[in-house]
N, C-alpha and C. Protein backbone atom coordinates (compact mmCIF):
# COMPACT_ATOMS: atom_id res chain seq x y z
N MET A 1 -24.80 -31.30 8.51
CA MET A 1 -23.71 -31.15 7.40
C MET A 1 -22.56 -31.22 7.98
N GLY A 2 -21.48 -31.85 7.31
CA GLY A 2 -20.10 -32.24 7.74
C GLY A 2 -19.18 -30.87 7.58
N ARG A 3 -18.12 -31.06 8.24
CA ARG A 3 -17.07 -29.91 8.02
C ARG A 3 -15.96 -30.34 7.10
N THR A 4 -15.35 -29.29 6.55
CA THR A 4 -14.28 -29.60 5.57
C THR A 4 -13.00 -29.95 6.47
N ASP A 5 -12.33 -30.95 5.90
CA ASP A 5 -11.14 -31.35 6.45
C ASP A 5 -9.90 -30.44 6.10
N PRO A 6 -9.38 -29.52 6.99
CA PRO A 6 -8.27 -28.68 6.65
C PRO A 6 -7.08 -29.48 6.27
N ASP A 7 -6.78 -30.74 6.70
CA ASP A 7 -5.60 -31.41 6.19
C ASP A 7 -5.66 -31.89 4.78
N ARG A 8 -6.88 -32.04 4.43
CA ARG A 8 -7.06 -32.44 2.81
C ARG A 8 -6.80 -31.14 2.10
N LEU A 9 -7.34 -29.98 2.46
CA LEU A 9 -7.04 -28.75 1.63
C LEU A 9 -5.45 -28.35 1.66
N SER A 10 -4.77 -28.58 2.66
CA SER A 10 -3.36 -28.09 2.74
C SER A 10 -2.55 -29.15 1.93
N ARG A 11 -3.07 -30.30 1.39
CA ARG A 11 -2.32 -31.16 0.67
C ARG A 11 -2.08 -30.61 -0.87
N TRP A 12 -2.95 -29.70 -1.26
CA TRP A 12 -2.73 -29.09 -2.62
C TRP A 12 -2.85 -27.44 -2.43
N PHE A 13 -3.43 -26.93 -1.47
CA PHE A 13 -3.69 -25.41 -1.42
C PHE A 13 -2.79 -24.74 -0.40
N LEU A 14 -3.40 -24.36 0.65
CA LEU A 14 -2.57 -23.62 1.84
C LEU A 14 -3.11 -24.23 3.06
N ASP A 15 -2.42 -24.11 4.02
CA ASP A 15 -2.84 -24.39 5.54
C ASP A 15 -4.00 -23.53 5.84
N VAL A 16 -5.04 -24.21 6.28
CA VAL A 16 -6.32 -23.47 6.54
C VAL A 16 -6.71 -23.85 7.95
N THR A 17 -7.13 -22.63 8.80
CA THR A 17 -7.70 -22.94 10.10
C THR A 17 -9.12 -22.26 10.21
N GLY A 18 -9.80 -22.58 11.18
CA GLY A 18 -11.17 -21.77 11.40
C GLY A 18 -12.21 -22.87 11.55
N ASP A 19 -13.55 -22.27 11.46
CA ASP A 19 -14.70 -23.09 11.74
C ASP A 19 -15.31 -23.36 10.33
N LEU A 20 -14.69 -24.50 9.69
CA LEU A 20 -15.00 -24.72 8.38
C LEU A 20 -16.34 -25.44 8.10
N ARG A 21 -17.46 -24.60 8.29
CA ARG A 21 -18.81 -25.03 8.04
C ARG A 21 -19.68 -23.69 7.65
N LEU A 22 -20.71 -23.97 7.15
CA LEU A 22 -21.70 -22.75 6.70
C LEU A 22 -21.75 -21.85 7.88
N GLY A 23 -21.46 -20.49 7.54
CA GLY A 23 -21.67 -19.50 8.54
C GLY A 23 -20.30 -19.39 9.29
N GLY A 24 -19.30 -20.28 9.26
CA GLY A 24 -18.00 -20.34 9.95
C GLY A 24 -17.14 -19.44 9.14
N THR A 25 -15.88 -19.36 9.88
CA THR A 25 -14.87 -18.45 9.20
C THR A 25 -13.53 -19.27 8.88
N TYR A 26 -12.77 -18.68 7.91
CA TYR A 26 -11.51 -19.49 7.63
C TYR A 26 -10.36 -18.51 7.57
N GLN A 27 -9.21 -18.96 7.77
CA GLN A 27 -8.01 -18.31 7.58
C GLN A 27 -7.02 -19.00 6.77
N LEU A 28 -6.60 -18.56 5.55
CA LEU A 28 -5.62 -19.28 4.89
C LEU A 28 -4.18 -18.66 5.24
N GLU A 29 -3.25 -19.58 5.65
CA GLU A 29 -1.97 -19.12 6.27
C GLU A 29 -1.25 -18.24 5.31
N GLY A 30 -0.88 -17.02 5.69
CA GLY A 30 -0.23 -15.92 5.05
C GLY A 30 -1.18 -15.46 3.79
N ASN A 31 -2.35 -15.63 3.72
CA ASN A 31 -3.12 -15.21 2.66
C ASN A 31 -4.52 -14.77 3.07
N ALA A 32 -5.44 -14.89 2.57
CA ALA A 32 -6.78 -14.39 2.74
C ALA A 32 -7.64 -15.01 3.93
N HIS A 33 -8.62 -14.45 4.42
CA HIS A 33 -9.55 -15.01 5.39
C HIS A 33 -10.96 -14.61 5.10
N GLY A 34 -11.91 -15.18 5.54
CA GLY A 34 -13.35 -14.76 5.38
C GLY A 34 -14.41 -15.77 5.99
N GLU A 35 -15.59 -15.47 5.42
CA GLU A 35 -16.61 -16.42 5.93
C GLU A 35 -17.23 -17.33 5.01
N ILE A 36 -17.56 -18.43 5.38
CA ILE A 36 -18.32 -19.52 4.51
C ILE A 36 -19.75 -19.10 4.22
N LEU A 37 -20.04 -18.48 3.16
CA LEU A 37 -21.36 -18.05 2.82
C LEU A 37 -22.36 -19.00 2.25
N ARG A 38 -21.95 -19.97 1.53
CA ARG A 38 -22.82 -21.07 0.98
C ARG A 38 -22.18 -22.24 1.00
N CYS A 39 -22.75 -23.33 1.31
CA CYS A 39 -22.05 -24.65 1.20
C CYS A 39 -23.12 -25.69 0.86
N GLU A 40 -22.98 -26.18 -0.33
CA GLU A 40 -23.97 -27.23 -0.75
C GLU A 40 -23.23 -28.54 -1.31
N PRO A 41 -22.51 -29.29 -0.28
CA PRO A 41 -21.76 -30.43 -0.69
C PRO A 41 -22.50 -31.38 -1.67
N PRO A 42 -21.87 -31.90 -2.69
CA PRO A 42 -20.57 -31.64 -3.02
C PRO A 42 -20.49 -30.67 -4.20
N ARG A 43 -21.37 -29.78 -4.22
CA ARG A 43 -21.39 -29.04 -5.48
C ARG A 43 -20.95 -27.62 -5.55
N LEU A 44 -21.03 -27.06 -4.40
CA LEU A 44 -20.97 -25.55 -4.31
C LEU A 44 -20.40 -25.16 -3.00
N LEU A 45 -19.40 -24.20 -3.18
CA LEU A 45 -18.75 -23.46 -1.92
C LEU A 45 -18.63 -22.12 -2.32
N ALA A 46 -19.10 -21.17 -1.55
CA ALA A 46 -18.89 -19.77 -1.79
C ALA A 46 -18.47 -19.10 -0.40
N VAL A 47 -17.46 -18.33 -0.54
CA VAL A 47 -16.85 -17.73 0.67
C VAL A 47 -16.54 -16.20 0.32
N SER A 48 -16.59 -15.43 1.44
CA SER A 48 -16.11 -14.07 1.34
C SER A 48 -14.49 -14.24 1.27
N TRP A 49 -13.79 -13.14 0.69
CA TRP A 49 -12.37 -13.23 0.32
C TRP A 49 -11.81 -11.87 0.92
N ILE A 50 -11.27 -11.81 2.08
CA ILE A 50 -10.63 -10.62 2.59
C ILE A 50 -9.08 -10.85 2.56
N TYR A 51 -8.48 -9.93 1.65
CA TYR A 51 -7.05 -9.97 1.67
C TYR A 51 -6.49 -8.49 1.87
N GLY A 52 -5.86 -8.26 2.89
CA GLY A 52 -5.19 -7.08 3.19
C GLY A 52 -6.21 -6.11 3.43
N ASP A 53 -5.91 -4.83 2.71
CA ASP A 53 -6.91 -3.81 2.97
C ASP A 53 -7.85 -3.52 1.81
N ARG A 54 -7.75 -4.57 0.91
CA ARG A 54 -8.65 -4.68 -0.26
C ARG A 54 -10.16 -4.72 0.27
N PRO A 55 -11.19 -4.22 -0.67
CA PRO A 55 -12.56 -4.44 -0.34
C PRO A 55 -12.82 -6.00 -0.26
N VAL A 56 -13.90 -6.40 0.16
CA VAL A 56 -14.24 -7.75 0.48
C VAL A 56 -14.63 -8.47 -0.96
N ASP A 57 -13.91 -9.39 -1.43
CA ASP A 57 -14.39 -10.14 -2.63
C ASP A 57 -15.18 -11.35 -2.23
N GLU A 58 -15.76 -12.16 -3.26
CA GLU A 58 -16.31 -13.36 -3.16
C GLU A 58 -15.69 -14.32 -4.06
N VAL A 59 -15.61 -15.49 -3.59
CA VAL A 59 -14.94 -16.66 -4.35
C VAL A 59 -16.01 -17.81 -4.42
N GLU A 60 -16.42 -18.21 -5.44
CA GLU A 60 -17.19 -19.26 -5.62
C GLU A 60 -16.64 -20.55 -6.32
N LEU A 61 -16.85 -21.67 -5.88
CA LEU A 61 -16.27 -22.99 -6.45
C LEU A 61 -17.54 -23.85 -6.80
N ARG A 62 -17.53 -24.24 -7.97
CA ARG A 62 -18.65 -25.11 -8.46
C ARG A 62 -18.14 -26.32 -9.03
N LEU A 63 -18.68 -27.51 -8.62
CA LEU A 63 -18.45 -28.89 -9.41
C LEU A 63 -19.65 -29.24 -10.06
N SER A 64 -19.29 -29.90 -11.16
CA SER A 64 -20.36 -30.54 -11.97
C SER A 64 -19.84 -31.71 -12.74
N PRO A 65 -20.75 -32.77 -12.92
CA PRO A 65 -20.22 -33.94 -13.67
C PRO A 65 -19.95 -33.57 -15.02
N ALA A 66 -18.89 -34.24 -15.62
CA ALA A 66 -18.32 -34.20 -17.01
C ALA A 66 -18.09 -35.51 -17.44
N GLY A 67 -18.97 -36.00 -18.42
CA GLY A 67 -18.83 -37.33 -19.03
C GLY A 67 -19.11 -38.27 -17.84
N ASP A 68 -18.41 -39.58 -18.17
CA ASP A 68 -18.65 -40.81 -17.47
C ASP A 68 -18.03 -40.71 -16.11
N SER A 69 -16.92 -40.16 -16.13
CA SER A 69 -16.15 -40.26 -14.82
C SER A 69 -15.32 -38.96 -14.44
N GLY A 70 -15.71 -37.96 -15.09
CA GLY A 70 -15.06 -36.65 -14.81
C GLY A 70 -15.86 -35.66 -14.08
N THR A 71 -15.03 -34.64 -13.68
CA THR A 71 -15.67 -33.43 -12.93
C THR A 71 -15.21 -32.08 -13.49
N VAL A 72 -15.96 -31.23 -13.61
CA VAL A 72 -15.68 -29.89 -13.98
C VAL A 72 -15.54 -28.93 -12.66
N LEU A 73 -14.38 -28.26 -12.54
CA LEU A 73 -14.42 -27.35 -11.42
C LEU A 73 -14.35 -25.83 -12.02
N GLU A 74 -15.39 -25.13 -11.59
CA GLU A 74 -15.40 -23.73 -11.94
C GLU A 74 -15.04 -22.88 -10.74
N LEU A 75 -14.25 -21.90 -10.94
CA LEU A 75 -13.75 -21.05 -9.90
C LEU A 75 -14.16 -19.60 -10.27
N GLU A 76 -14.92 -18.87 -9.61
CA GLU A 76 -15.30 -17.46 -9.86
C GLU A 76 -14.70 -16.73 -8.80
N HIS A 77 -13.89 -15.66 -8.94
CA HIS A 77 -13.33 -14.63 -8.06
C HIS A 77 -14.08 -13.30 -8.39
N ALA A 78 -14.93 -12.79 -7.77
CA ALA A 78 -15.62 -11.63 -8.04
C ALA A 78 -14.91 -10.68 -7.19
N THR A 79 -14.74 -9.39 -7.72
CA THR A 79 -14.25 -8.27 -7.04
C THR A 79 -14.93 -6.94 -7.45
N VAL A 80 -14.86 -5.86 -6.70
CA VAL A 80 -15.36 -4.60 -6.99
C VAL A 80 -14.34 -3.74 -7.45
N LEU A 81 -13.13 -4.15 -7.47
CA LEU A 81 -12.03 -3.27 -7.89
C LEU A 81 -11.81 -3.43 -9.36
N GLU A 82 -11.40 -2.44 -9.99
CA GLU A 82 -10.88 -2.44 -11.44
C GLU A 82 -9.55 -2.39 -11.61
N ARG A 83 -8.81 -1.72 -10.59
CA ARG A 83 -7.32 -1.50 -10.82
C ARG A 83 -6.78 -1.78 -9.44
N VAL A 84 -5.51 -2.22 -9.45
CA VAL A 84 -4.80 -2.35 -8.10
C VAL A 84 -3.32 -1.92 -8.40
N GLU A 85 -2.72 -1.50 -7.31
CA GLU A 85 -1.44 -1.17 -7.33
C GLU A 85 -0.57 -2.47 -7.20
N TRP A 86 0.34 -2.69 -8.14
CA TRP A 86 1.15 -3.97 -8.20
C TRP A 86 2.49 -3.55 -8.69
N GLU A 87 3.51 -3.90 -7.87
CA GLU A 87 4.81 -3.70 -8.27
C GLU A 87 5.10 -2.14 -8.74
N GLY A 88 4.53 -1.33 -7.92
CA GLY A 88 4.75 0.12 -8.19
C GLY A 88 3.96 0.73 -9.26
N ARG A 89 2.99 0.08 -9.94
CA ARG A 89 2.16 0.56 -10.96
C ARG A 89 0.74 0.21 -10.87
N SER A 90 -0.23 1.01 -11.42
CA SER A 90 -1.73 0.59 -11.35
C SER A 90 -1.92 -0.35 -12.56
N VAL A 91 -2.31 -1.56 -12.27
CA VAL A 91 -2.73 -2.59 -13.26
C VAL A 91 -4.18 -2.92 -13.04
N ASP A 92 -4.81 -3.50 -14.17
CA ASP A 92 -5.98 -4.05 -14.15
C ASP A 92 -6.02 -5.17 -13.04
N VAL A 93 -7.19 -5.30 -12.34
CA VAL A 93 -7.08 -6.25 -11.27
C VAL A 93 -7.11 -7.64 -11.69
N ILE A 94 -7.49 -8.06 -12.93
CA ILE A 94 -7.34 -9.34 -13.38
C ILE A 94 -5.96 -9.96 -13.43
N THR A 95 -4.97 -8.97 -13.40
CA THR A 95 -3.51 -9.28 -13.34
C THR A 95 -3.38 -9.92 -11.93
N GLY A 96 -3.90 -9.39 -10.97
CA GLY A 96 -3.67 -9.81 -9.68
C GLY A 96 -4.34 -11.08 -9.19
N LEU A 97 -5.70 -11.16 -9.66
CA LEU A 97 -6.47 -12.38 -9.35
C LEU A 97 -6.20 -13.55 -10.16
N GLY A 98 -6.17 -13.46 -11.47
CA GLY A 98 -6.06 -14.61 -12.36
C GLY A 98 -4.82 -15.44 -12.09
N PRO A 99 -3.66 -14.95 -12.27
CA PRO A 99 -2.43 -15.86 -11.86
C PRO A 99 -2.23 -16.24 -10.51
N GLY A 100 -3.02 -15.63 -9.65
CA GLY A 100 -2.90 -16.04 -8.18
C GLY A 100 -3.38 -17.45 -7.94
N TRP A 101 -4.54 -17.97 -8.73
CA TRP A 101 -5.05 -19.25 -8.60
C TRP A 101 -4.38 -20.40 -9.25
N GLU A 102 -3.52 -19.99 -10.22
CA GLU A 102 -3.04 -21.17 -11.09
C GLU A 102 -2.17 -22.12 -10.28
N PRO A 103 -1.11 -21.57 -9.33
CA PRO A 103 -0.38 -22.61 -8.71
C PRO A 103 -1.24 -23.70 -7.82
N ALA A 104 -2.25 -23.22 -7.23
CA ALA A 104 -3.12 -24.14 -6.31
C ALA A 104 -3.87 -25.11 -7.36
N LEU A 105 -4.36 -24.59 -8.54
CA LEU A 105 -5.15 -25.53 -9.34
C LEU A 105 -4.21 -26.54 -10.09
N PHE A 106 -3.02 -26.08 -10.40
CA PHE A 106 -1.86 -26.89 -10.96
C PHE A 106 -1.58 -27.99 -9.94
N ALA A 107 -1.62 -27.62 -8.79
CA ALA A 107 -1.36 -28.78 -7.68
C ALA A 107 -2.41 -29.60 -7.43
N LEU A 108 -3.67 -29.03 -7.45
CA LEU A 108 -4.81 -29.89 -7.38
C LEU A 108 -4.82 -31.08 -8.37
N ASP A 109 -4.51 -30.56 -9.59
CA ASP A 109 -4.62 -31.50 -10.73
C ASP A 109 -3.47 -32.51 -10.50
N ARG A 110 -2.49 -32.13 -10.09
CA ARG A 110 -1.23 -33.13 -9.88
C ARG A 110 -1.72 -34.12 -8.70
N TYR A 111 -2.27 -33.56 -7.69
CA TYR A 111 -2.66 -34.26 -6.49
C TYR A 111 -3.83 -35.30 -6.79
N LEU A 112 -4.77 -34.94 -7.61
CA LEU A 112 -5.86 -35.89 -7.99
C LEU A 112 -5.28 -36.89 -8.88
N ARG A 113 -4.15 -36.76 -9.61
CA ARG A 113 -3.56 -37.60 -10.58
C ARG A 113 -2.71 -38.75 -9.79
N GLY A 114 -2.43 -38.30 -8.49
CA GLY A 114 -1.48 -39.07 -7.63
C GLY A 114 -0.13 -38.82 -7.89
N GLU A 115 0.21 -37.61 -8.43
CA GLU A 115 1.65 -37.13 -8.70
C GLU A 115 2.26 -36.37 -7.62
N LEU A 116 1.53 -36.02 -6.50
CA LEU A 116 2.12 -35.30 -5.43
C LEU A 116 1.96 -36.23 -4.20
N PRO A 117 3.00 -35.92 -3.24
CA PRO A 117 2.87 -36.81 -1.94
C PRO A 117 1.63 -36.23 -1.13
N ASP A 118 1.07 -37.17 -0.30
CA ASP A 118 0.01 -36.94 0.41
C ASP A 118 0.58 -36.27 1.77
N THR A 119 1.08 -35.01 1.53
CA THR A 119 1.52 -34.18 2.57
C THR A 119 1.12 -32.77 2.61
N VAL A 120 1.47 -32.06 3.47
CA VAL A 120 1.17 -30.54 3.58
C VAL A 120 1.80 -29.91 2.37
N ALA A 121 1.24 -28.71 2.13
CA ALA A 121 1.64 -27.75 1.00
C ALA A 121 3.16 -27.48 0.91
N ALA A 122 3.66 -27.26 1.99
CA ALA A 122 5.06 -26.96 2.05
C ALA A 122 5.95 -28.07 1.49
N GLU A 123 5.48 -29.08 1.65
CA GLU A 123 6.30 -30.39 1.19
C GLU A 123 6.03 -30.65 -0.19
N TRP A 124 4.78 -30.58 -0.65
CA TRP A 124 4.44 -30.77 -2.01
C TRP A 124 4.95 -29.80 -2.85
N GLN A 125 5.15 -28.52 -2.57
CA GLN A 125 5.87 -27.38 -3.42
C GLN A 125 7.27 -27.99 -3.90
N SER A 126 7.93 -28.63 -2.99
CA SER A 126 9.26 -29.09 -3.31
C SER A 126 9.31 -30.17 -4.15
N ALA A 127 8.13 -31.02 -4.19
CA ALA A 127 8.06 -32.10 -5.03
C ALA A 127 7.59 -31.85 -6.45
N LEU A 128 7.17 -30.61 -6.73
CA LEU A 128 6.72 -30.36 -8.17
C LEU A 128 8.09 -29.88 -8.94
N PRO A 129 8.17 -30.41 -10.22
CA PRO A 129 9.25 -29.92 -10.99
C PRO A 129 9.24 -28.50 -11.12
N PRO A 130 10.24 -27.85 -10.67
CA PRO A 130 10.37 -26.30 -10.70
C PRO A 130 10.08 -25.74 -12.08
N ALA A 131 10.76 -26.36 -13.03
CA ALA A 131 10.72 -25.84 -14.45
C ALA A 131 9.27 -25.92 -14.96
N GLU A 132 8.67 -26.98 -14.77
CA GLU A 132 7.28 -27.45 -15.00
C GLU A 132 6.38 -26.21 -14.60
N LEU A 133 6.36 -25.95 -13.31
CA LEU A 133 5.48 -25.22 -12.57
C LEU A 133 5.75 -23.72 -13.13
N THR A 134 7.04 -23.36 -13.21
CA THR A 134 7.43 -22.09 -13.70
C THR A 134 6.89 -21.81 -15.00
N GLU A 135 7.07 -22.77 -15.94
CA GLU A 135 6.49 -22.67 -17.25
C GLU A 135 4.96 -22.42 -17.28
N PHE A 136 4.28 -23.25 -16.48
CA PHE A 136 2.79 -23.09 -16.42
C PHE A 136 2.34 -21.76 -15.98
N ILE A 137 3.06 -21.26 -14.77
CA ILE A 137 2.67 -19.80 -14.44
C ILE A 137 2.96 -18.88 -15.39
N ASP A 138 4.13 -18.88 -16.07
CA ASP A 138 4.60 -18.03 -17.01
C ASP A 138 3.49 -17.89 -18.10
N ARG A 139 3.11 -19.10 -18.66
CA ARG A 139 2.24 -19.12 -19.78
C ARG A 139 0.82 -18.63 -19.39
N THR A 140 0.28 -18.96 -18.25
CA THR A 140 -1.06 -18.36 -17.73
C THR A 140 -1.00 -16.98 -17.56
N SER A 141 0.07 -16.60 -16.82
CA SER A 141 0.43 -15.09 -16.80
C SER A 141 0.32 -14.41 -18.00
N GLN A 142 0.81 -14.69 -18.99
CA GLN A 142 0.82 -14.13 -20.31
C GLN A 142 -0.60 -14.14 -20.80
N ILE A 143 -1.28 -15.16 -20.76
CA ILE A 143 -2.76 -15.05 -21.12
C ILE A 143 -3.58 -14.22 -20.24
N TRP A 144 -3.39 -14.14 -19.08
CA TRP A 144 -4.07 -13.14 -18.12
C TRP A 144 -3.61 -11.75 -18.55
N ALA A 145 -2.42 -11.28 -18.81
CA ALA A 145 -1.92 -10.13 -19.03
C ALA A 145 -2.61 -9.74 -20.62
N ALA A 146 -2.54 -10.72 -21.53
CA ALA A 146 -3.27 -10.42 -22.78
C ALA A 146 -4.68 -9.95 -22.59
N LEU A 147 -5.40 -10.78 -21.88
CA LEU A 147 -6.88 -10.49 -21.38
C LEU A 147 -6.91 -9.21 -20.72
N ALA A 148 -6.10 -8.69 -20.02
CA ALA A 148 -6.11 -7.36 -19.17
C ALA A 148 -5.91 -6.31 -20.25
N ASP A 149 -4.98 -6.62 -21.21
CA ASP A 149 -4.82 -5.57 -22.26
C ASP A 149 -5.93 -5.42 -22.99
N THR A 150 -6.54 -6.36 -23.49
CA THR A 150 -7.99 -6.32 -24.14
C THR A 150 -8.91 -5.65 -23.49
N ALA A 151 -8.98 -5.82 -22.27
CA ALA A 151 -10.07 -5.23 -21.35
C ALA A 151 -9.69 -3.81 -21.25
N ASP A 152 -8.33 -3.37 -21.16
CA ASP A 152 -7.98 -1.94 -21.00
C ASP A 152 -8.43 -1.21 -22.36
N THR A 153 -8.07 -1.99 -23.47
CA THR A 153 -8.43 -1.36 -24.65
C THR A 153 -9.90 -1.11 -24.90
N SER A 154 -10.68 -2.24 -24.55
CA SER A 154 -12.09 -2.09 -24.78
C SER A 154 -12.78 -1.01 -23.82
N ASN A 155 -12.11 -0.73 -22.68
CA ASN A 155 -12.71 0.29 -21.83
C ASN A 155 -12.23 1.72 -22.10
N GLU A 156 -11.51 1.78 -23.00
CA GLU A 156 -10.98 3.24 -23.31
C GLU A 156 -12.12 4.03 -23.72
N ALA A 157 -12.32 5.33 -23.57
CA ALA A 157 -13.42 6.14 -24.07
C ALA A 157 -13.38 6.22 -25.80
N THR A 158 -14.35 6.03 -26.47
CA THR A 158 -14.27 6.16 -27.86
C THR A 158 -14.69 7.54 -28.04
N PRO A 159 -13.95 8.42 -29.06
CA PRO A 159 -14.33 9.71 -29.25
C PRO A 159 -15.71 9.74 -29.98
N GLY A 160 -16.50 10.55 -29.63
CA GLY A 160 -17.91 10.77 -30.38
C GLY A 160 -17.75 11.64 -31.56
N PRO A 161 -18.98 11.87 -32.19
CA PRO A 161 -18.84 12.81 -33.35
C PRO A 161 -18.34 14.08 -32.86
N ALA A 162 -17.68 14.67 -33.92
CA ALA A 162 -17.22 16.16 -33.64
C ALA A 162 -18.38 17.23 -33.70
């Protein structure tokens, strides 16, 4: 089984180092690290996700055919936490995980369309129209916040009969 090419990942995500094969480990520059748990090219990748002092999460990426020439990417980030401390307050964990993936997925879309230079992440970030990226992140953050608010409301204890 082949290894993942770290140069290709850094074109739309982050710089990555490590032993990028099943059972190997990875380190995303300035971000998470973990172990490669499952790898079934070209359809599935599952990794442990260790970020700071948080409990270990798992991230799974799935690719499936869509129509004649398309592909659907599904990203699942599973965590055991319900709340995290963020900007001095306790918030639903979805607020921290959800918007964190959007810039990379935005860049992947642009890269696959040929709208980003074939360079490392630090260079493509300056090639993105700042207003377009900011608007995209703001819009998706609002969606995640609304989802978190809905989850908070649905998890509140409902008073029982008196």
